[in-house]
């Protein structure tokens, strides 16, 4: 949540957690997807959007890794220009 404005120039719109290592970040108008508002129905647009989400996924994973937190980050586009990222942090086994 704190690094989002640094990377993308705006705050994340929604952050949820199940308090068991899963976080969902929702960005209603992600800056990387906003240019595709002109023709989101074009078949290549969906493919390109998924490719563009690799950057924010890697950015979040890298930022967490810098703090010693390993995570899986998956991005999806429910509707243009929305982006939703699911972050899963494995629980330490005791």
C-alpha atoms as a PDB file:
ATOM      1  CA  UNK A   1       0.000   0.000   0.000  1.00  0.00           C
ATOM      2  CA  UNK A   2       2.773   2.440   0.878  1.00  0.00           C
ATOM      3  CA  UNK A   3       4.876   1.874  -2.253  1.00  0.00           C
ATOM      4  CA  UNK A   4       1.997   2.108  -4.743  1.00  0.00           C
ATOM      5  CA  UNK A   5       1.996   5.941  -4.953  1.00  0.00           C
ATOM      6  CA  UNK A   6       5.755   5.954  -5.475  1.00  0.00           C
ATOM      7  CA  UNK A   7       5.553   3.510  -8.376  1.00  0.00           C
ATOM      8  CA  UNK A   8       2.285   4.522 -10.022  1.00  0.00           C
ATOM      9  CA  UNK A   9       1.584   8.079  -8.911  1.00  0.00           C
ATOM     10  CA  UNK A  10      -1.665   7.287  -7.125  1.00  0.00           C
ATOM     11  CA  UNK A  11      -2.873   5.430  -4.067  1.00  0.00           C
ATOM     12  CA  UNK A  12      -4.237   1.912  -4.351  1.00  0.00           C
ATOM     13  CA  UNK A  13      -8.044   2.001  -4.347  1.00  0.00           C
ATOM     14  CA  UNK A  14      -8.685  -1.024  -2.163  1.00  0.00           C
ATOM     15  CA  UNK A  15      -6.637  -3.412  -0.016  1.00  0.00           C
ATOM     16  CA  UNK A  16      -8.114  -6.471   1.619  1.00  0.00           C
ATOM     17  CA  UNK A  17      -6.594  -9.304   3.599  1.00  0.00           C
ATOM     18  CA  UNK A  18      -7.825 -12.554   5.076  1.00  0.00           C
ATOM     19  CA  UNK A  19      -5.222 -12.191   7.871  1.00  0.00           C
ATOM     20  CA  UNK A  20      -3.711 -15.522   6.814  1.00  0.00           C
ATOM     21  CA  UNK A  21      -1.171 -14.308   4.281  1.00  0.00           C
ATOM     22  CA  UNK A  22      -3.414 -13.388   1.350  1.00  0.00           C
ATOM     23  CA  UNK A  23      -3.826  -9.792   0.250  1.00  0.00           C
ATOM     24  CA  UNK A  24      -5.886  -8.396  -2.619  1.00  0.00           C
ATOM     25  CA  UNK A  25      -5.018  -4.990  -4.061  1.00  0.00           C
ATOM     26  CA  UNK A  26      -7.554  -3.394  -6.398  1.00  0.00           C
ATOM     27  CA  UNK A  27      -6.697  -0.444  -8.621  1.00  0.00           C
ATOM     28  CA  UNK A  28      -9.786   0.974 -10.372  1.00  0.00           C
ATOM     29  CA  UNK A  29      -7.768   2.929 -12.942  1.00  0.00           C
ATOM     30  CA  UNK A  30      -4.321   1.431 -13.202  1.00  0.00           C
ATOM     31  CA  UNK A  31      -2.003   3.840 -15.070  1.00  0.00           C
ATOM     32  CA  UNK A  32      -0.553   1.095 -17.273  1.00  0.00           C
ATOM     33  CA  UNK A  33      -4.019   0.052 -18.461  1.00  0.00           C
ATOM     34  CA  UNK A  34      -5.635   3.484 -18.843  1.00  0.00           C
ATOM     35  CA  UNK A  35      -4.333   3.989 -22.433  1.00  0.00           C
ATOM     36  CA  UNK A  36      -6.398   0.975 -23.536  1.00  0.00           C
ATOM     37  CA  UNK A  37      -9.711   2.665 -22.836  1.00  0.00           C
ATOM     38  CA  UNK A  38      -9.902   3.586 -26.508  1.00  0.00           C
ATOM     39  CA  UNK A  39     -10.540   0.002 -27.670  1.00  0.00           C
ATOM     40  CA  UNK A  40     -10.578  -2.539 -24.829  1.00  0.00           C
ATOM     41  CA  UNK A  41     -12.523  -5.037 -26.979  1.00  0.00           C
ATOM     42  CA  UNK A  42      -9.647  -5.591 -29.427  1.00  0.00           C
ATOM     43  CA  UNK A  43      -8.350  -9.181 -29.002  1.00  0.00           C
ATOM     44  CA  UNK A  44      -4.718  -8.099 -28.678  1.00  0.00           C
ATOM     45  CA  UNK A  45      -5.571  -5.628 -25.914  1.00  0.00           C
ATOM     46  CA  UNK A  46      -6.285  -8.373 -23.360  1.00  0.00           C
ATOM     47  CA  UNK A  47      -2.995 -10.123 -24.147  1.00  0.00           C
ATOM     48  CA  UNK A  48      -1.053  -6.888 -23.887  1.00  0.00           C
ATOM     49  CA  UNK A  49      -2.757  -5.966 -20.612  1.00  0.00           C
ATOM     50  CA  UNK A  50      -1.727  -9.251 -19.007  1.00  0.00           C
ATOM     51  CA  UNK A  51       1.832  -8.671 -20.220  1.00  0.00           C
ATOM     52  CA  UNK A  52       1.830  -5.135 -18.784  1.00  0.00           C
ATOM     53  CA  UNK A  53       0.723  -6.454 -15.400  1.00  0.00           C
ATOM     54  CA  UNK A  54       3.964  -8.410 -15.157  1.00  0.00           C
ATOM     55  CA  UNK A  55       5.732  -5.173 -14.182  1.00  0.00           C
ATOM     56  CA  UNK A  56       3.556  -4.285 -11.160  1.00  0.00           C
ATOM     57  CA  UNK A  57       3.545  -7.944 -10.081  1.00  0.00           C
ATOM     58  CA  UNK A  58       7.336  -8.035 -10.194  1.00  0.00           C
ATOM     59  CA  UNK A  59       7.579  -4.651  -8.511  1.00  0.00           C
ATOM     60  CA  UNK A  60       5.451  -5.763  -5.549  1.00  0.00           C
ATOM     61  CA  UNK A  61       7.248  -9.099  -5.299  1.00  0.00           C
ATOM     62  CA  UNK A  62      10.633  -7.345  -5.418  1.00  0.00           C
ATOM     63  CA  UNK A  63       9.650  -4.755  -2.819  1.00  0.00           C
ATOM     64  CA  UNK A  64       8.495  -7.480  -0.452  1.00  0.00           C
ATOM     65  CA  UNK A  65      11.637  -9.487  -1.196  1.00  0.00           C
ATOM     66  CA  UNK A  66      13.760  -6.494  -0.181  1.00  0.00           C
ATOM     67  CA  UNK A  67      12.191  -6.850   3.264  1.00  0.00           C
ATOM     68  CA  UNK A  68      12.855 -10.584   3.322  1.00  0.00           C
ATOM     69  CA  UNK A  69       9.263 -11.550   2.522  1.00  0.00           C
ATOM     70  CA  UNK A  70       8.777 -14.158  -0.202  1.00  0.00           C
ATOM     71  CA  UNK A  71       5.444 -13.894  -1.989  1.00  0.00           C
ATOM     72  CA  UNK A  72       3.526 -14.961  -5.042  1.00  0.00           C
ATOM     73  CA  UNK A  73       1.889 -12.073  -6.896  1.00  0.00           C
ATOM     74  CA  UNK A  74      -0.725 -12.577  -9.614  1.00  0.00           C
ATOM     75  CA  UNK A  75      -2.418  -9.794 -11.569  1.00  0.00           C
ATOM     76  CA  UNK A  76      -5.644  -9.845 -13.542  1.00  0.00           C
ATOM     77  CA  UNK A  77      -7.826  -7.419 -15.457  1.00  0.00           C
ATOM     78  CA  UNK A  78     -11.511  -7.840 -14.519  1.00  0.00           C
ATOM     79  CA  UNK A  79     -12.488  -4.834 -16.696  1.00  0.00           C
ATOM     80  CA  UNK A  80     -10.457  -2.055 -18.293  1.00  0.00           C
ATOM     81  CA  UNK A  81      -8.742  -0.112 -16.771  1.00  0.00           C
ATOM     82  CA  UNK A  82      -9.121  -2.059 -13.506  1.00  0.00           C
ATOM     83  CA  UNK A  83      -6.353  -4.252 -12.202  1.00  0.00           C
ATOM     84  CA  UNK A  84      -6.521  -6.658  -9.278  1.00  0.00           C
ATOM     85  CA  UNK A  85      -3.442  -8.193  -7.689  1.00  0.00           C
ATOM     86  CA  UNK A  86      -3.481 -11.173  -5.363  1.00  0.00           C
ATOM     87  CA  UNK A  87      -0.484 -11.477  -3.064  1.00  0.00           C
ATOM     88  CA  UNK A  88       0.052 -14.728  -1.216  1.00  0.00           C
ATOM     89  CA  UNK A  89       2.669 -14.905   1.522  1.00  0.00           C
ATOM     90  CA  UNK A  90       3.263 -18.490   2.697  1.00  0.00           C
ATOM     91  CA  UNK A  91       2.809 -18.951   6.423  1.00  0.00           C
ATOM     92  CA  UNK A  92       5.856 -20.079   8.362  1.00  0.00           C
ATOM     93  CA  UNK A  93       5.553 -23.638   9.594  1.00  0.00           C
ATOM     94  CA  UNK A  94       6.102 -24.102  13.274  1.00  0.00           C
END
